[in-house]
Amino acid sequence: MLSAGLKVAGQTPVLIINEPIMVSSGKNSEIRYNFYYPRWVYDEYRQALSQEAQKNGWNYLDLWNLIPETEFTNSAIHLSPAGEQTFAAEVAKAVQANTCLAK
């Protein structure tokens, strides 16, 4: 799927981002990052995506654990305004770096 999207993009620079997830503490945190993600599954997903990105020369940014648990709202997927600001700042750095490399 990613390969097809990148092919369609042609010469347009693309940055693939693995967005932050909430890493919970507490009950079952040794086996699950949060309600949605068992650790072993998510770790395998990240490893596979990283390997594919490296093998294919994709611009890939893995920010999975950038945001602390305290900067998520009442769900494991929505960031607080401060969390969004932190995320946006990291994405902006990567976009600027990739844009400069593309010139």
PDB file of N, CA and C in Angstrom:
ATOM      1  N   MET A   1       0.820  -1.173   0.000  1.00  0.00           N
ATOM      2  CA  MET A   1       0.000   0.000   0.000  1.00  0.00           C
ATOM      3  C   MET A   1       0.874   1.251   0.000  1.00  0.00           C
ATOM      4  N   LEU A   2       1.870   1.301   0.865  1.00  0.00           N
ATOM      5  CA  LEU A   2       2.745   2.475   0.898  1.00  0.00           C
ATOM      6  C   LEU A   2       3.514   2.621  -0.408  1.00  0.00           C
ATOM      7  N   SER A   3       3.985   1.515  -0.941  1.00  0.00           N
ATOM      8  CA  SER A   3       4.715   1.569  -2.212  1.00  0.00           C
ATOM      9  C   SER A   3       3.845   2.150  -3.316  1.00  0.00           C
ATOM     10  N   ALA A   4       2.582   1.748  -3.360  1.00  0.00           N
ATOM     11  CA  ALA A   4       1.663   2.256  -4.387  1.00  0.00           C
ATOM     12  C   ALA A   4       1.447   3.754  -4.227  1.00  0.00           C
ATOM     13  N   GLY A   5       1.267   4.201  -3.007  1.00  0.00           N
ATOM     14  CA  GLY A   5       1.083   5.630  -2.757  1.00  0.00           C
ATOM     15  C   GLY A   5       2.302   6.440  -3.137  1.00  0.00           C
ATOM     16  N   LEU A   6       3.475   5.923  -2.835  1.00  0.00           N
ATOM     17  CA  LEU A   6       4.710   6.623  -3.186  1.00  0.00           C
ATOM     18  C   LEU A   6       4.907   6.661  -4.692  1.00  0.00           C
ATOM     19  N   LYS A   7       4.494   5.609  -5.367  1.00  0.00           N
ATOM     20  CA  LYS A   7       4.590   5.587  -6.827  1.00  0.00           C
ATOM     21  C   LYS A   7       3.690   6.665  -7.427  1.00  0.00           C
ATOM     22  N   VAL A   8       2.487   6.794  -6.915  1.00  0.00           N
ATOM     23  CA  VAL A   8       1.553   7.818  -7.390  1.00  0.00           C
ATOM     24  C   VAL A   8       2.111   9.218  -7.119  1.00  0.00           C
ATOM     25  N   ALA A   9       2.795   9.393  -5.996  1.00  0.00           N
ATOM     26  CA  ALA A   9       3.348  10.706  -5.642  1.00  0.00           C
ATOM     27  C   ALA A   9       4.426  11.154  -6.617  1.00  0.00           C
ATOM     28  N   GLY A  10       5.053  10.215  -7.284  1.00  0.00           N
ATOM     29  CA  GLY A  10       6.083  10.562  -8.263  1.00  0.00           C
ATOM     30  C   GLY A  10       7.260  11.276  -7.620  1.00  0.00           C
ATOM     31  N   GLN A  11       7.576  12.464  -8.103  1.00  0.00           N
ATOM     32  CA  GLN A  11       8.719  13.230  -7.604  1.00  0.00           C
ATOM     33  C   GLN A  11       8.376  14.089  -6.380  1.00  0.00           C
ATOM     34  N   THR A  12       7.126  14.084  -5.973  1.00  0.00           N
ATOM     35  CA  THR A  12       6.716  14.865  -4.804  1.00  0.00           C
ATOM     36  C   THR A  12       7.288  14.218  -3.546  1.00  0.00           C
ATOM     37  N   PRO A  13       8.037  14.965  -2.734  1.00  0.00           N
ATOM     38  CA  PRO A  13       8.582  14.386  -1.505  1.00  0.00           C
ATOM     39  C   PRO A  13       7.458  13.925  -0.572  1.00  0.00           C
ATOM     40  N   VAL A  14       7.625  12.738  -0.012  1.00  0.00           N
ATOM     41  CA  VAL A  14       6.644  12.167   0.912  1.00  0.00           C
ATOM     42  C   VAL A  14       7.364  11.811   2.203  1.00  0.00           C
ATOM     43  N   LEU A  15       6.743  12.135   3.314  1.00  0.00           N
ATOM     44  CA  LEU A  15       7.263  11.771   4.622  1.00  0.00           C
ATOM     45  C   LEU A  15       6.254  10.835   5.279  1.00  0.00           C
ATOM     46  N   ILE A  16       6.676   9.621   5.571  1.00  0.00           N
ATOM     47  CA  ILE A  16       5.818   8.644   6.245  1.00  0.00           C
ATOM     48  C   ILE A  16       6.038   8.809   7.744  1.00  0.00           C
ATOM     49  N   ILE A  17       4.947   9.031   8.468  1.00  0.00           N
ATOM     50  CA  ILE A  17       5.046   9.292   9.907  1.00  0.00           C
ATOM     51  C   ILE A  17       4.287   8.230  10.684  1.00  0.00           C
ATOM     52  N   ASN A  18       4.973   7.612  11.625  1.00  0.00           N
ATOM     53  CA  ASN A  18       4.317   6.753  12.602  1.00  0.00           C
ATOM     54  C   ASN A  18       3.973   7.661  13.780  1.00  0.00           C
ATOM     55  N   GLU A  19       2.695   7.950  13.940  1.00  0.00           N
ATOM     56  CA  GLU A  19       2.254   8.916  14.939  1.00  0.00           C
ATOM     57  C   GLU A  19       2.428   8.400  16.361  1.00  0.00           C
ATOM     58  N   PRO A  20       2.503   9.324  17.315  1.00  0.00           N
ATOM     59  CA  PRO A  20       2.636   8.924  18.716  1.00  0.00           C
ATOM     60  C   PRO A  20       1.430   8.128  19.210  1.00  0.00           C
ATOM     61  N   ILE A  21       1.717   7.167  20.059  1.00  0.00           N
ATOM     62  CA  ILE A  21       0.658   6.450  20.766  1.00  0.00           C
ATOM     63  C   ILE A  21       0.850   6.693  22.256  1.00  0.00           C
ATOM     64  N   MET A  22      -0.221   6.521  23.003  1.00  0.00           N
ATOM     65  CA  MET A  22      -0.117   6.656  24.451  1.00  0.00           C
ATOM     66  C   MET A  22       0.514   5.387  25.017  1.00  0.00           C
ATOM     67  N   VAL A  23       1.573   5.578  25.764  1.00  0.00           N
ATOM     68  CA  VAL A  23       2.210   4.468  26.464  1.00  0.00           C
ATOM     69  C   VAL A  23       1.731   4.549  27.910  1.00  0.00           C
ATOM     70  N   SER A  24       0.812   3.670  28.260  1.00  0.00           N
ATOM     71  CA  SER A  24       0.172   3.695  29.576  1.00  0.00           C
ATOM     72  C   SER A  24       1.058   3.086  30.646  1.00  0.00           C
ATOM     73  N   SER A  25       0.788   3.495  31.856  1.00  0.00           N
ATOM     74  CA  SER A  25       1.397   2.849  33.015  1.00  0.00           C
ATOM     75  C   SER A  25       0.253   2.207  33.799  1.00  0.00           C
ATOM     76  N   GLY A  26       0.587   1.316  34.678  1.00  0.00           N
ATOM     77  CA  GLY A  26      -0.459   0.694  35.482  1.00  0.00           C
ATOM     78  C   GLY A  26      -0.722  -0.743  35.090  1.00  0.00           C
ATOM     79  N   LYS A  27      -1.947  -1.181  35.359  1.00  0.00           N
ATOM     80  CA  LYS A  27      -2.339  -2.576  35.159  1.00  0.00           C
ATOM     81  C   LYS A  27      -2.092  -3.024  33.722  1.00  0.00           C
ATOM     82  N   ASN A  28      -1.393  -4.131  33.568  1.00  0.00           N
ATOM     83  CA  ASN A  28      -1.068  -4.770  32.284  1.00  0.00           C
ATOM     84  C   ASN A  28      -0.125  -3.958  31.400  1.00  0.00           C
ATOM     85  N   SER A  29       0.482  -2.910  31.927  1.00  0.00           N
ATOM     86  CA  SER A  29       1.378  -2.095  31.093  1.00  0.00           C
ATOM     87  C   SER A  29       2.632  -2.858  30.676  1.00  0.00           C
ATOM     88  N   GLU A  30       2.926  -3.951  31.339  1.00  0.00           N
ATOM     89  CA  GLU A  30       4.079  -4.750  30.935  1.00  0.00           C
ATOM     90  C   GLU A  30       3.782  -5.578  29.679  1.00  0.00           C
ATOM     91  N   ILE A  31       2.496  -5.740  29.336  1.00  0.00           N
ATOM     92  CA  ILE A  31       2.140  -6.512  28.140  1.00  0.00           C
ATOM     93  C   ILE A  31       1.406  -5.689  27.078  1.00  0.00           C
ATOM     94  N   ARG A  32       0.919  -4.506  27.462  1.00  0.00           N
ATOM     95  CA  ARG A  32       0.189  -3.651  26.519  1.00  0.00           C
ATOM     96  C   ARG A  32       0.687  -2.215  26.658  1.00  0.00           C
ATOM     97  N   TYR A  33       0.882  -1.558  25.499  1.00  0.00           N
ATOM     98  CA  TYR A  33       1.213  -0.133  25.558  1.00  0.00           C
ATOM     99  C   TYR A  33       0.001   0.667  26.014  1.00  0.00           C
ATOM    100  N   ASN A  34      -1.176   0.259  25.567  1.00  0.00           N
ATOM    101  CA  ASN A  34      -2.439   0.864  25.985  1.00  0.00           C
ATOM    102  C   ASN A  34      -3.559  -0.112  25.622  1.00  0.00           C
ATOM    103  N   PHE A  35      -4.795   0.329  25.750  1.00  0.00           N
ATOM    104  CA  PHE A  35      -5.950  -0.537  25.486  1.00  0.00           C
ATOM    105  C   PHE A  35      -5.907  -1.150  24.090  1.00  0.00           C
ATOM    106  N   TYR A  36      -5.393  -0.413  23.109  1.00  0.00           N
ATOM    107  CA  TYR A  36      -5.433  -0.839  21.714  1.00  0.00           C
ATOM    108  C   TYR A  36      -4.245  -1.691  21.272  1.00  0.00           C
ATOM    109  N   TYR A  37      -3.093  -1.532  21.893  1.00  0.00           N
ATOM    110  CA  TYR A  37      -1.861  -2.104  21.342  1.00  0.00           C
ATOM    111  C   TYR A  37      -1.135  -3.043  22.301  1.00  0.00           C
ATOM    112  N   PRO A  38      -1.185  -4.358  22.040  1.00  0.00           N
ATOM    113  CA  PRO A  38      -0.289  -5.266  22.757  1.00  0.00           C
ATOM    114  C   PRO A  38       1.156  -4.926  22.371  1.00  0.00           C
ATOM    115  N   ARG A  39       2.045  -4.956  23.317  1.00  0.00           N
ATOM    116  CA  ARG A  39       3.438  -4.565  23.053  1.00  0.00           C
ATOM    117  C   ARG A  39       4.061  -5.369  21.914  1.00  0.00           C
ATOM    118  N   TRP A  40       3.909  -6.677  21.946  1.00  0.00           N
ATOM    119  CA  TRP A  40       4.585  -7.508  20.940  1.00  0.00           C
ATOM    120  C   TRP A  40       4.087  -7.194  19.536  1.00  0.00           C
ATOM    121  N   VAL A  41       2.796  -6.936  19.371  1.00  0.00           N
ATOM    122  CA  VAL A  41       2.251  -6.637  18.045  1.00  0.00           C
ATOM    123  C   VAL A  41       2.773  -5.292  17.549  1.00  0.00           C
ATOM    124  N   TYR A  42       2.702  -4.292  18.407  1.00  0.00           N
ATOM    125  CA  TYR A  42       3.132  -2.955  17.996  1.00  0.00           C
ATOM    126  C   TYR A  42       4.635  -2.918  17.724  1.00  0.00           C
ATOM    127  N   ASP A  43       5.406  -3.614  18.537  1.00  0.00           N
ATOM    128  CA  ASP A  43       6.855  -3.663  18.313  1.00  0.00           C
ATOM    129  C   ASP A  43       7.185  -4.324  16.974  1.00  0.00           C
ATOM    130  N   GLU A  44       6.482  -5.402  16.637  1.00  0.00           N
ATOM    131  CA  GLU A  44       6.711  -6.057  15.341  1.00  0.00           C
ATOM    132  C   GLU A  44       6.306  -5.147  14.183  1.00  0.00           C
ATOM    133  N   TYR A  45       5.199  -4.441  14.333  1.00  0.00           N
ATOM    134  CA  TYR A  45       4.758  -3.484  13.307  1.00  0.00           C
ATOM    135  C   TYR A  45       5.817  -2.404  13.086  1.00  0.00           C
ATOM    136  N   ARG A  46       6.327  -1.831  14.168  1.00  0.00           N
ATOM    137  CA  ARG A  46       7.336  -0.775  14.046  1.00  0.00           C
ATOM    138  C   ARG A  46       8.604  -1.299  13.385  1.00  0.00           C
ATOM    139  N   GLN A  47       9.020  -2.487  13.757  1.00  0.00           N
ATOM    140  CA  GLN A  47      10.221  -3.069  13.170  1.00  0.00           C
ATOM    141  C   GLN A  47      10.022  -3.318  11.675  1.00  0.00           C
ATOM    142  N   ALA A  48       8.886  -3.870  11.301  1.00  0.00           N
ATOM    143  CA  ALA A  48       8.612  -4.149   9.884  1.00  0.00           C
ATOM    144  C   ALA A  48       8.556  -2.857   9.072  1.00  0.00           C
ATOM    145  N   LEU A  49       7.899  -1.839   9.592  1.00  0.00           N
ATOM    146  CA  LEU A  49       7.800  -0.570   8.875  1.00  0.00           C
ATOM    147  C   LEU A  49       9.169   0.088   8.743  1.00  0.00           C
ATOM    148  N   SER A  50       9.948   0.058   9.789  1.00  0.00           N
ATOM    149  CA  SER A  50      11.294   0.629   9.748  1.00  0.00           C
ATOM    150  C   SER A  50      12.174  -0.091   8.729  1.00  0.00           C
ATOM    151  N   GLN A  51      12.102  -1.414   8.707  1.00  0.00           N
ATOM    152  CA  GLN A  51      12.892  -2.188   7.750  1.00  0.00           C
ATOM    153  C   GLN A  51      12.478  -1.892   6.314  1.00  0.00           C
ATOM    154  N   GLU A  52      11.178  -1.801   6.063  1.00  0.00           N
ATOM    155  CA  GLU A  52      10.690  -1.484   4.715  1.00  0.00           C
ATOM    156  C   GLU A  52      11.134  -0.089   4.295  1.00  0.00           C
ATOM    157  N   ALA A  53      11.050   0.851   5.215  1.00  0.00           N
ATOM    158  CA  ALA A  53      11.462   2.223   4.909  1.00  0.00           C
ATOM    159  C   ALA A  53      12.948   2.272   4.569  1.00  0.00           C
ATOM    160  N   GLN A  54      13.754   1.588   5.357  1.00  0.00           N
ATOM    161  CA  GLN A  54      15.195   1.573   5.107  1.00  0.00           C
ATOM    162  C   GLN A  54      15.514   0.873   3.788  1.00  0.00           C
ATOM    163  N   LYS A  55      14.894  -0.263   3.549  1.00  0.00           N
ATOM    164  CA  LYS A  55      15.133  -1.040   2.330  1.00  0.00           C
ATOM    165  C   LYS A  55      14.765  -0.248   1.078  1.00  0.00           C
ATOM    166  N   ASN A  56      13.694   0.525   1.150  1.00  0.00           N
ATOM    167  CA  ASN A  56      13.183   1.247  -0.010  1.00  0.00           C
ATOM    168  C   ASN A  56      13.611   2.711  -0.081  1.00  0.00           C
ATOM    169  N   GLY A  57      14.373   3.174   0.908  1.00  0.00           N
ATOM    170  CA  GLY A  57      14.830   4.560   0.899  1.00  0.00           C
ATOM    171  C   GLY A  57      13.721   5.574   1.150  1.00  0.00           C
ATOM    172  N   TRP A  58      12.707   5.176   1.919  1.00  0.00           N
ATOM    173  CA  TRP A  58      11.594   6.078   2.218  1.00  0.00           C
ATOM    174  C   TRP A  58      11.997   7.071   3.296  1.00  0.00           C
ATOM    175  N   ASN A  59      11.437   8.264   3.240  1.00  0.00           N
ATOM    176  CA  ASN A  59      11.568   9.236   4.324  1.00  0.00           C
ATOM    177  C   ASN A  59      10.580   8.814   5.408  1.00  0.00           C
ATOM    178  N   TYR A  60      11.104   8.363   6.530  1.00  0.00           N
ATOM    179  CA  TYR A  60      10.268   7.780   7.583  1.00  0.00           C
ATOM    180  C   TYR A  60      10.613   8.413   8.915  1.00  0.00           C
ATOM    181  N   LEU A  61       9.594   8.826   9.635  1.00  0.00           N
ATOM    182  CA  LEU A  61       9.761   9.449  10.940  1.00  0.00           C
ATOM    183  C   LEU A  61       8.944   8.659  11.955  1.00  0.00           C
ATOM    184  N   ASP A  62       9.620   8.034  12.898  1.00  0.00           N
ATOM    185  CA  ASP A  62       8.941   7.216  13.908  1.00  0.00           C
ATOM    186  C   ASP A  62       8.843   8.006  15.210  1.00  0.00           C
ATOM    187  N   LEU A  63       7.687   8.568  15.465  1.00  0.00           N
ATOM    188  CA  LEU A  63       7.469   9.383  16.661  1.00  0.00           C
ATOM    189  C   LEU A  63       6.572   8.675  17.674  1.00  0.00           C
ATOM    190  N   TRP A  64       6.558   7.371  17.640  1.00  0.00           N
ATOM    191  CA  TRP A  64       5.603   6.570  18.403  1.00  0.00           C
ATOM    192  C   TRP A  64       5.564   6.906  19.887  1.00  0.00           C
ATOM    193  N   ASN A  65       6.698   7.226  20.493  1.00  0.00           N
ATOM    194  CA  ASN A  65       6.721   7.478  21.937  1.00  0.00           C
ATOM    195  C   ASN A  65       7.129   8.913  22.276  1.00  0.00           C
ATOM    196  N   LEU A  66       6.920   9.834  21.352  1.00  0.00           N
ATOM    197  CA  LEU A  66       7.292  11.239  21.556  1.00  0.00           C
ATOM    198  C   LEU A  66       6.493  11.912  22.665  1.00  0.00           C
ATOM    199  N   ILE A  67       5.228  11.604  22.778  1.00  0.00           N
ATOM    200  CA  ILE A  67       4.321  12.331  23.663  1.00  0.00           C
ATOM    201  C   ILE A  67       4.101  11.555  24.964  1.00  0.00           C
ATOM    202  N   PRO A  68       4.312  12.210  26.119  1.00  0.00           N
ATOM    203  CA  PRO A  68       4.080  11.511  27.388  1.00  0.00           C
ATOM    204  C   PRO A  68       2.590  11.228  27.615  1.00  0.00           C
ATOM    205  N   GLU A  69       2.327  10.243  28.425  1.00  0.00           N
ATOM    206  CA  GLU A  69       0.952   9.823  28.733  1.00  0.00           C
ATOM    207  C   GLU A  69       0.087  10.997  29.189  1.00  0.00           C
ATOM    208  N   THR A  70       0.677  11.932  29.903  1.00  0.00           N
ATOM    209  CA  THR A  70      -0.067  13.077  30.436  1.00  0.00           C
ATOM    210  C   THR A  70      -0.560  14.036  29.361  1.00  0.00           C
ATOM    211  N   GLU A  71      -0.034  13.930  28.141  1.00  0.00           N
ATOM    212  CA  GLU A  71      -0.431  14.842  27.065  1.00  0.00           C
ATOM    213  C   GLU A  71      -1.415  14.213  26.078  1.00  0.00           C
ATOM    214  N   PHE A  72      -2.104  13.170  26.530  1.00  0.00           N
ATOM    215  CA  PHE A  72      -3.219  12.604  25.778  1.00  0.00           C
ATOM    216  C   PHE A  72      -4.503  13.029  26.479  1.00  0.00           C
ATOM    217  N   THR A  73      -5.581  13.117  25.720  1.00  0.00           N
ATOM    218  CA  THR A  73      -6.867  13.472  26.321  1.00  0.00           C
ATOM    219  C   THR A  73      -7.427  12.251  27.027  1.00  0.00           C
ATOM    220  N   ASN A  74      -8.731  12.157  27.129  1.00  0.00           N
ATOM    221  CA  ASN A  74      -9.334  11.015  27.819  1.00  0.00           C
ATOM    222  C   ASN A  74      -9.380   9.762  26.952  1.00  0.00           C
ATOM    223  N   SER A  75      -8.624   9.759  25.857  1.00  0.00           N
ATOM    224  CA  SER A  75      -8.512   8.565  25.017  1.00  0.00           C
ATOM    225  C   SER A  75      -7.041   8.311  24.724  1.00  0.00           C
ATOM    226  N   ALA A  76      -6.763   7.127  24.253  1.00  0.00           N
ATOM    227  CA  ALA A  76      -5.375   6.760  23.959  1.00  0.00           C
ATOM    228  C   ALA A  76      -4.926   7.242  22.588  1.00  0.00           C
ATOM    229  N   ILE A  77      -5.786   7.941  21.862  1.00  0.00           N
ATOM    230  CA  ILE A  77      -5.421   8.345  20.503  1.00  0.00           C
ATOM    231  C   ILE A  77      -5.470   9.849  20.252  1.00  0.00           C
ATOM    232  N   HIS A  78      -6.086  10.615  21.133  1.00  0.00           N
ATOM    233  CA  HIS A  78      -6.197  12.060  20.917  1.00  0.00           C
ATOM    234  C   HIS A  78      -5.245  12.809  21.835  1.00  0.00           C
ATOM    235  N   LEU A  79      -4.474  13.724  21.236  1.00  0.00           N
ATOM    236  CA  LEU A  79      -3.503  14.500  21.997  1.00  0.00           C
ATOM    237  C   LEU A  79      -4.137  15.759  22.573  1.00  0.00           C
ATOM    238  N   SER A  80      -3.560  16.227  23.658  1.00  0.00           N
ATOM    239  CA  SER A  80      -3.938  17.520  24.220  1.00  0.00           C
ATOM    240  C   SER A  80      -3.369  18.615  23.316  1.00  0.00           C
ATOM    241  N   PRO A  81      -3.773  19.869  23.497  1.00  0.00           N
ATOM    242  CA  PRO A  81      -3.169  20.946  22.704  1.00  0.00           C
ATOM    243  C   PRO A  81      -1.637  20.991  22.835  1.00  0.00           C
ATOM    244  N   ALA A  82      -1.122  20.786  24.036  1.00  0.00           N
ATOM    245  CA  ALA A  82       0.338  20.785  24.220  1.00  0.00           C
ATOM    246  C   ALA A  82       0.976  19.597  23.504  1.00  0.00           C
ATOM    247  N   GLY A  83       0.324  18.451  23.536  1.00  0.00           N
ATOM    248  CA  GLY A  83       0.827  17.283  22.820  1.00  0.00           C
ATOM    249  C   GLY A  83       0.843  17.512  21.322  1.00  0.00           C
ATOM    250  N   GLU A  84      -0.221  18.129  20.807  1.00  0.00           N
ATOM    251  CA  GLU A  84      -0.278  18.456  19.372  1.00  0.00           C
ATOM    252  C   GLU A  84       0.830  19.425  18.986  1.00  0.00           C
ATOM    253  N   GLN A  85       1.108  20.380  19.854  1.00  0.00           N
ATOM    254  CA  GLN A  85       2.165  21.356  19.572  1.00  0.00           C
ATOM    255  C   GLN A  85       3.532  20.668  19.503  1.00  0.00           C
ATOM    256  N   THR A  86       3.791  19.770  20.427  1.00  0.00           N
ATOM    257  CA  THR A  86       5.049  19.018  20.423  1.00  0.00           C
ATOM    258  C   THR A  86       5.167  18.176  19.157  1.00  0.00           C
ATOM    259  N   PHE A  87       4.094  17.487  18.810  1.00  0.00           N
ATOM    260  CA  PHE A  87       4.069  16.653  17.613  1.00  0.00           C
ATOM    261  C   PHE A  87       4.291  17.502  16.363  1.00  0.00           C
ATOM    262  N   ALA A  88       3.579  18.610  16.261  1.00  0.00           N
ATOM    263  CA  ALA A  88       3.700  19.489  15.088  1.00  0.00           C
ATOM    264  C   ALA A  88       5.114  20.035  14.937  1.00  0.00           C
ATOM    265  N   ALA A  89       5.757  20.362  16.043  1.00  0.00           N
ATOM    266  CA  ALA A  89       7.124  20.890  15.983  1.00  0.00           C
ATOM    267  C   ALA A  89       8.085  19.850  15.414  1.00  0.00           C
ATOM    268  N   GLU A  90       7.934  18.593  15.815  1.00  0.00           N
ATOM    269  CA  GLU A  90       8.808  17.529  15.301  1.00  0.00           C
ATOM    270  C   GLU A  90       8.542  17.253  13.828  1.00  0.00           C
ATOM    271  N   VAL A  91       7.283  17.276  13.447  1.00  0.00           N
ATOM    272  CA  VAL A  91       6.944  17.063  12.037  1.00  0.00           C
ATOM    273  C   VAL A  91       7.493  18.211  11.196  1.00  0.00           C
ATOM    274  N   ALA A  92       7.364  19.439  11.684  1.00  0.00           N
ATOM    275  CA  ALA A  92       7.876  20.601  10.945  1.00  0.00           C
ATOM    276  C   ALA A  92       9.378  20.487  10.710  1.00  0.00           C
ATOM    277  N   LYS A  93      10.118  20.054  11.722  1.00  0.00           N
ATOM    278  CA  LYS A  93      11.571  19.864  11.557  1.00  0.00           C
ATOM    279  C   LYS A  93      11.862  18.863  10.442  1.00  0.00           C
ATOM    280  N   ALA A  94      11.140  17.756  10.454  1.00  0.00           N
ATOM    281  CA  ALA A  94      11.365  16.712   9.447  1.00  0.00           C
ATOM    282  C   ALA A  94      10.971  17.184   8.055  1.00  0.00           C
ATOM    283  N   VAL A  95       9.876  17.917   7.947  1.00  0.00           N
ATOM    284  CA  VAL A  95       9.445  18.433   6.645  1.00  0.00           C
ATOM    285  C   VAL A  95      10.491  19.393   6.101  1.00  0.00           C
ATOM    286  N   GLN A  96      10.980  20.286   6.945  1.00  0.00           N
ATOM    287  CA  GLN A  96      12.011  21.232   6.506  1.00  0.00           C
ATOM    288  C   GLN A  96      13.280  20.506   6.090  1.00  0.00           C
ATOM    289  N   ALA A  97      13.679  19.514   6.848  1.00  0.00           N
ATOM    290  CA  ALA A  97      14.892  18.760   6.510  1.00  0.00           C
ATOM    291  C   ALA A  97      14.722  18.019   5.188  1.00  0.00           C
ATOM    292  N   ASN A  98      13.571  17.413   4.978  1.00  0.00           N
ATOM    293  CA  ASN A  98      13.330  16.666   3.744  1.00  0.00           C
ATOM    294  C   ASN A  98      13.148  17.588   2.551  1.00  0.00           C
ATOM    295  N   THR A  99      12.591  18.748   2.767  1.00  0.00           N
ATOM    296  CA  THR A  99      12.434  19.711   1.679  1.00  0.00           C
ATOM    297  C   THR A  99      13.794  20.215   1.232  1.00  0.00           C
ATOM    298  N   CYS A 100      14.661  20.479   2.188  1.00  0.00           N
ATOM    299  CA  CYS A 100      16.013  20.944   1.849  1.00  0.00           C
ATOM    300  C   CYS A 100      16.787  19.858   1.109  1.00  0.00           C
ATOM    301  N   LEU A 101      16.604  18.601   1.492  1.00  0.00           N
ATOM    302  CA  LEU A 101      17.299  17.498   0.827  1.00  0.00           C
ATOM    303  C   LEU A 101      16.788  17.296  -0.594  1.00  0.00           C
ATOM    304  N   ALA A 102      15.521  17.630  -0.808  1.00  0.00           N
ATOM    305  CA  ALA A 102      14.921  17.399  -2.124  1.00  0.00           C
ATOM    306  C   ALA A 102      15.380  18.417  -3.164  1.00  0.00           C
ATOM    307  N   LYS A 103      15.965  19.518  -2.716  1.00  0.00           N
ATOM    308  CA  LYS A 103      16.382  20.572  -3.659  1.00  0.00           C
ATOM    309  C   LYS A 103      17.660  20.210  -4.369  1.00  0.00           C
TER     310      LYS A 103
END
